[in-house]
Protein backbone atom coordinates (compact mmCIF):
# COMPACT_ATOMS: atom_id res chain seq x y z
CA MET A 1 -0.26 -0.10 -0.03
CA THR A 2 2.72 2.49 0.93
CA GLU A 3 4.43 1.69 -2.26
CA ARG A 4 1.25 2.13 -4.35
CA LEU A 5 0.01 5.66 -2.74
CA GLY A 6 3.73 6.99 -1.51
CA PRO A 7 2.62 10.26 0.42
CA ALA A 8 -0.64 9.47 -0.36
CA ILE A 9 -1.11 6.84 2.43
CA PRO A 10 -3.65 8.11 4.96
CA ALA A 11 -2.32 7.82 8.49
CA ALA A 12 -3.82 5.06 10.76
CA SER A 13 -6.05 7.06 12.88
CA SER A 14 -7.29 8.61 9.73
CA PRO A 15 -11.50 8.06 9.22
CA GLU A 16 -10.03 6.48 5.64
CA SER A 17 -8.03 4.08 7.34
CA GLU A 18 -10.90 3.51 9.62
CA ALA A 19 -13.37 3.01 6.05
CA LEU A 20 -10.80 0.48 4.93
CA ARG A 21 -10.59 -1.87 8.28
CA ARG A 22 -14.78 -1.69 8.28
CA PHE A 23 -14.70 -2.69 4.36
CA ARG A 24 -12.56 -5.53 5.19
CA SER A 25 -14.66 -6.71 8.08
CA PHE A 26 -17.83 -6.35 6.08
CA SER A 27 -16.35 -8.17 3.14
CA ALA A 28 -14.61 -10.77 5.21
CA ALA A 29 -18.30 -11.51 6.77
CA ALA A 30 -19.96 -11.25 3.49
CA LEU A 31 -17.78 -13.76 1.96
CA LYS A 32 -18.05 -15.77 5.06
CA SER A 33 -21.79 -15.99 5.14
CA GLY A 34 -22.55 -16.11 1.35
CA HIS A 35 -24.51 -12.71 1.55
CA ALA A 36 -23.52 -8.89 1.89
CA PRO A 37 -25.23 -7.25 5.06
CA ASN A 38 -25.53 -3.30 5.48
CA PRO A 39 -22.05 -2.14 6.21
CA SER A 40 -21.22 -0.41 9.54
CA LEU A 41 -20.87 3.20 8.52
CA GLU A 42 -22.26 4.70 11.96
CA GLY A 43 -20.04 7.75 13.10
CA LEU A 44 -18.01 7.75 10.05
CA ARG A 45 -17.30 10.64 7.62
CA VAL A 46 -14.69 10.65 5.09
CA ASN A 47 -14.20 12.00 1.92
CA GLU A 48 -15.82 9.22 -0.58
CA ARG A 49 -13.07 9.71 -3.11
CA ARG A 50 -10.39 9.17 -1.31
CA VAL A 51 -11.70 6.44 -0.23
CA ARG A 52 -12.68 5.00 -3.00
CA ALA A 53 -8.93 5.48 -4.11
CA LEU A 54 -7.76 3.77 -1.11
CA LEU A 55 -10.36 0.57 -1.71
CA GLU A 56 -9.10 0.02 -5.27
CA ALA A 57 -5.05 0.44 -3.85
CA TRP A 58 -6.21 -2.42 -1.24
CA THR A 59 -7.92 -4.70 -3.81
CA ASP A 60 -4.84 -4.05 -6.17
CA ALA A 61 -2.59 -5.37 -3.00
CA ALA A 62 -4.91 -8.22 -2.21
CA ALA A 63 -5.08 -9.46 -5.83
CA GLU A 64 -1.03 -9.20 -6.13
CA VAL A 65 -0.97 -11.12 -2.61
CA ALA A 66 -2.78 -13.72 -4.11
CA GLY A 67 -0.85 -14.61 -7.14
CA ASP A 68 -2.38 -17.23 -9.28
CA HIS A 69 -5.79 -16.23 -7.41
CA ALA A 70 -5.81 -12.85 -8.18
CA SER A 71 -8.87 -12.66 -10.67
CA ARG A 72 -10.70 -14.61 -8.30
CA VAL A 73 -10.30 -12.33 -5.61
CA ARG A 74 -11.00 -9.13 -7.62
CA SER A 75 -14.36 -11.04 -9.02
CA SER A 76 -15.58 -11.27 -5.49
CA LEU A 77 -14.45 -8.21 -4.25
CA SER A 78 -15.78 -6.32 -7.06
CA PRO A 79 -19.48 -6.47 -5.98
CA LEU A 80 -18.76 -5.87 -2.54
CA LYS A 81 -16.80 -2.67 -3.08
CA ASP A 82 -19.96 -0.89 -5.00
CA ARG A 83 -22.43 -2.45 -1.93
CA PHE A 84 -19.82 -0.49 0.34
CA ARG A 85 -19.23 2.52 -1.92
CA LEU A 86 -23.18 2.81 -2.43
CA SER A 87 -23.77 2.94 1.31
CA LEU A 88 -21.04 5.28 2.03
CA ARG A 89 -22.81 7.53 -0.62
CA THR A 90 -26.11 7.00 0.66
CA THR A 91 -24.98 7.86 3.88
CA SER A 92 -23.39 11.00 3.15
CA ASP A 93 -25.89 12.61 0.83
CA ARG A 94 -28.13 12.21 3.88
CA ARG A 95 -26.05 14.09 6.23
CA THR A 96 -25.11 16.87 3.55
CA ARG A 97 -28.12 17.49 1.34
CA SER A 98 -26.54 20.01 -0.63
CA GLY A 99 -28.49 19.18 -3.66
CA ARG A 100 -27.31 18.27 -6.96
CA PRO A 101 -24.06 19.55 -8.69
CA LYS A 102 -25.20 22.68 -11.19
CA VAL A 103 -24.59 21.37 -14.52
CA SER A 104 -21.98 24.30 -14.97
CA ARG A 105 -19.99 22.85 -11.93
CA ARG A 106 -20.07 19.47 -14.06
CA ALA A 107 -19.12 20.87 -16.93
CA VAL A 108 -16.03 22.82 -15.26
CA SER A 109 -14.87 19.65 -13.58
CA ALA A 110 -14.88 17.62 -16.71
CA ALA A 111 -13.14 20.28 -18.53
CA ILE A 112 -10.63 20.37 -15.93
CA ASP A 113 -10.07 16.48 -16.07
CA ARG A 114 -9.03 16.67 -20.02
CA VAL A 115 -6.50 19.31 -19.77
CA ALA A 116 -3.36 17.78 -20.45
CA GLU A 117 -1.36 19.62 -17.71
CA ALA A 118 -1.30 18.83 -14.12
CA PHE A 119 -3.94 20.90 -12.67
CA ILE A 120 -4.10 20.67 -8.52
CA ALA A 121 -6.25 23.02 -6.23
CA ILE A 122 -4.81 23.51 -3.07
CA ASP A 123 -6.09 25.27 -0.02
CA THR A 124 -4.15 28.17 0.58
CA ASP A 125 -4.67 27.94 4.54
CA ASP A 126 -3.58 24.32 5.32
CA SER A 127 -1.97 23.55 1.68
CA ARG A 128 -4.28 20.41 1.51
CA ILE A 129 -5.52 19.16 -1.69
CA ALA A 130 -8.95 20.44 -2.61
CA ASP A 131 -9.52 18.63 -6.26
CA ALA A 132 -6.83 17.38 -8.67
CA ASN A 133 -7.24 16.03 -12.32
CA PRO A 134 -6.10 12.76 -14.00
CA ALA A 135 -3.03 14.31 -15.62
CA ALA A 136 -1.78 15.14 -12.03
CA GLY A 137 -2.35 11.62 -10.78
CA ALA A 138 -0.19 10.02 -13.56
CA LEU A 139 2.52 12.70 -12.88
CA LEU A 140 2.64 11.93 -9.26
CA GLY A 141 2.38 8.39 -9.69
CA VAL A 142 -1.16 8.18 -7.49
CA GLU A 143 -4.59 7.86 -8.80
CA ARG A 144 -6.03 11.47 -8.69
CA ASP A 145 -8.78 10.52 -6.02
CA ALA A 146 -5.77 9.45 -3.75
CA LEU A 147 -4.75 12.84 -3.71
CA ILE A 148 -7.61 14.66 -2.31
CA ASP A 149 -7.25 15.92 1.41
CA VAL A 150 -3.96 15.13 1.25
CA ASP A 151 -0.75 17.67 2.07
CA GLY A 152 -0.05 19.24 -1.26
CA MET A 153 3.41 19.64 0.53
CA SER A 154 4.01 16.11 0.68
CA PHE A 155 4.67 16.00 -3.16
CA VAL A 156 7.14 18.77 -3.18
CA PRO A 157 10.91 17.87 -2.30
CA GLU A 158 12.08 19.14 1.37
CA SER A 159 14.47 21.75 -0.34
CA GLU A 160 11.61 23.31 -2.64
CA ARG A 161 8.88 23.70 -0.23
CA GLY A 162 9.76 27.31 0.82
CA VAL A 163 9.63 28.07 -3.05
CA TRP A 164 5.86 26.60 -2.93
CA GLN A 165 4.82 28.21 0.11
CA THR A 166 5.79 31.70 -0.68
CA GLN A 167 4.04 31.39 -4.00
CA ILE A 168 0.49 29.94 -2.10
CA ASP A 169 0.84 32.81 0.60
CA ALA A 170 1.28 35.55 -2.48
CA ILE A 171 -2.04 33.68 -3.81
CA ALA A 172 -3.66 33.83 -0.61
CA GLU A 173 -2.78 37.59 -0.22
CA GLY A 174 -4.42 38.65 -3.69
CA ASP A 175 -1.65 38.98 -5.38
CA GLU A 176 -1.74 38.70 -9.49
CA PRO A 177 -1.22 35.27 -10.91
CA ARG A 178 2.08 33.53 -10.50
CA ARG A 179 4.69 31.63 -12.70
CA PHE A 180 7.27 29.88 -11.13
CA ARG A 181 9.93 27.30 -11.91
CA SER A 182 10.49 23.95 -9.45
CA GLN A 183 10.02 20.68 -8.55
CA LEU A 184 7.21 17.86 -7.59
CA MET A 185 7.98 14.76 -6.14
CA ASP A 186 6.19 11.31 -7.25
CA ARG A 187 5.25 8.38 -4.99
CA SER A 188 8.26 7.13 -4.84
CA GLY A 189 10.52 10.47 -4.40
CA GLU A 190 11.81 11.32 -7.48
CA ALA A 191 12.28 15.21 -8.49
CA ILE A 192 10.28 16.32 -11.22
CA ALA A 193 11.14 19.34 -12.66
CA VAL A 194 7.85 21.59 -13.68
CA GLU A 195 6.84 24.77 -14.71
CA VAL A 196 4.10 26.31 -12.82
CA SER A 197 1.04 28.56 -13.58
CA ALA A 198 -0.80 29.15 -10.29
CA THR A 199 -3.90 32.00 -9.64
CA GLY A 200 -6.15 32.38 -6.62
CA PHE A 201 -9.72 31.11 -6.37
CA ALA A 202 -11.97 32.16 -3.45
CA THR A 203 -15.08 29.88 -2.44
CA ARG A 204 -17.65 31.08 0.38
CA SER A 205 -15.51 28.75 2.66
CA ARG A 206 -11.95 28.73 1.95
CA SER A 207 -9.37 30.46 -0.65
CA LEU A 208 -7.80 27.88 -3.00
CA ALA A 209 -4.36 28.18 -5.28
CA LEU A 210 -5.05 26.87 -8.63
CA ILE A 211 -2.11 25.29 -9.52
CA VAL A 212 -1.12 24.26 -13.15
CA ALA A 213 2.05 22.21 -13.58
CA ARG A 214 3.91 21.52 -16.97
CA ARG A 215 6.91 18.70 -16.71
CA VAL A 216 10.08 20.39 -18.01
CA LEU A 217 12.21 18.01 -19.52
């Protein structure tokens, strides 16, 4: 799991790790009894996208350990993952009840997903990743949903973190869009030279730094 997620792996005490433990208990009970009970989600508040990425990484690891039985493990776990995620989504929907996303918002998200360069939205208060596109996941070697709510600085070499923090602080203070060259770091710790364009975007609840990073060859 550590090899697959790198800095994006959740802490053992995190809600996402607790969700994985509950999924393991749920799937073990279902496979033993032959039918899937309702998963226990009481008191669990997690980022659904991040849990989905964690379950996929755990399934891949389990299949790898299973060796010749990998396909059987995947086929057995697949419907259980679907059931667990559906229950998690239903529970989350009941808690938030924020209504359906606006069409315009879905269109913007779809457009960002098609951008060839890595796109990362970082909360300027705590540097945590609020969103990312598939290109960002490919650049960092991690499924993009696994990046959500992770400390963005964990994918920056320590020697470059001062540069990134200075730029993010400037955006938070309302400065003009920024352009700079620096480095990111993939899940294995390999440094990646990038050219960065960054601008600010304020929502009702927080200020975001919108980062577009292009690999420099």
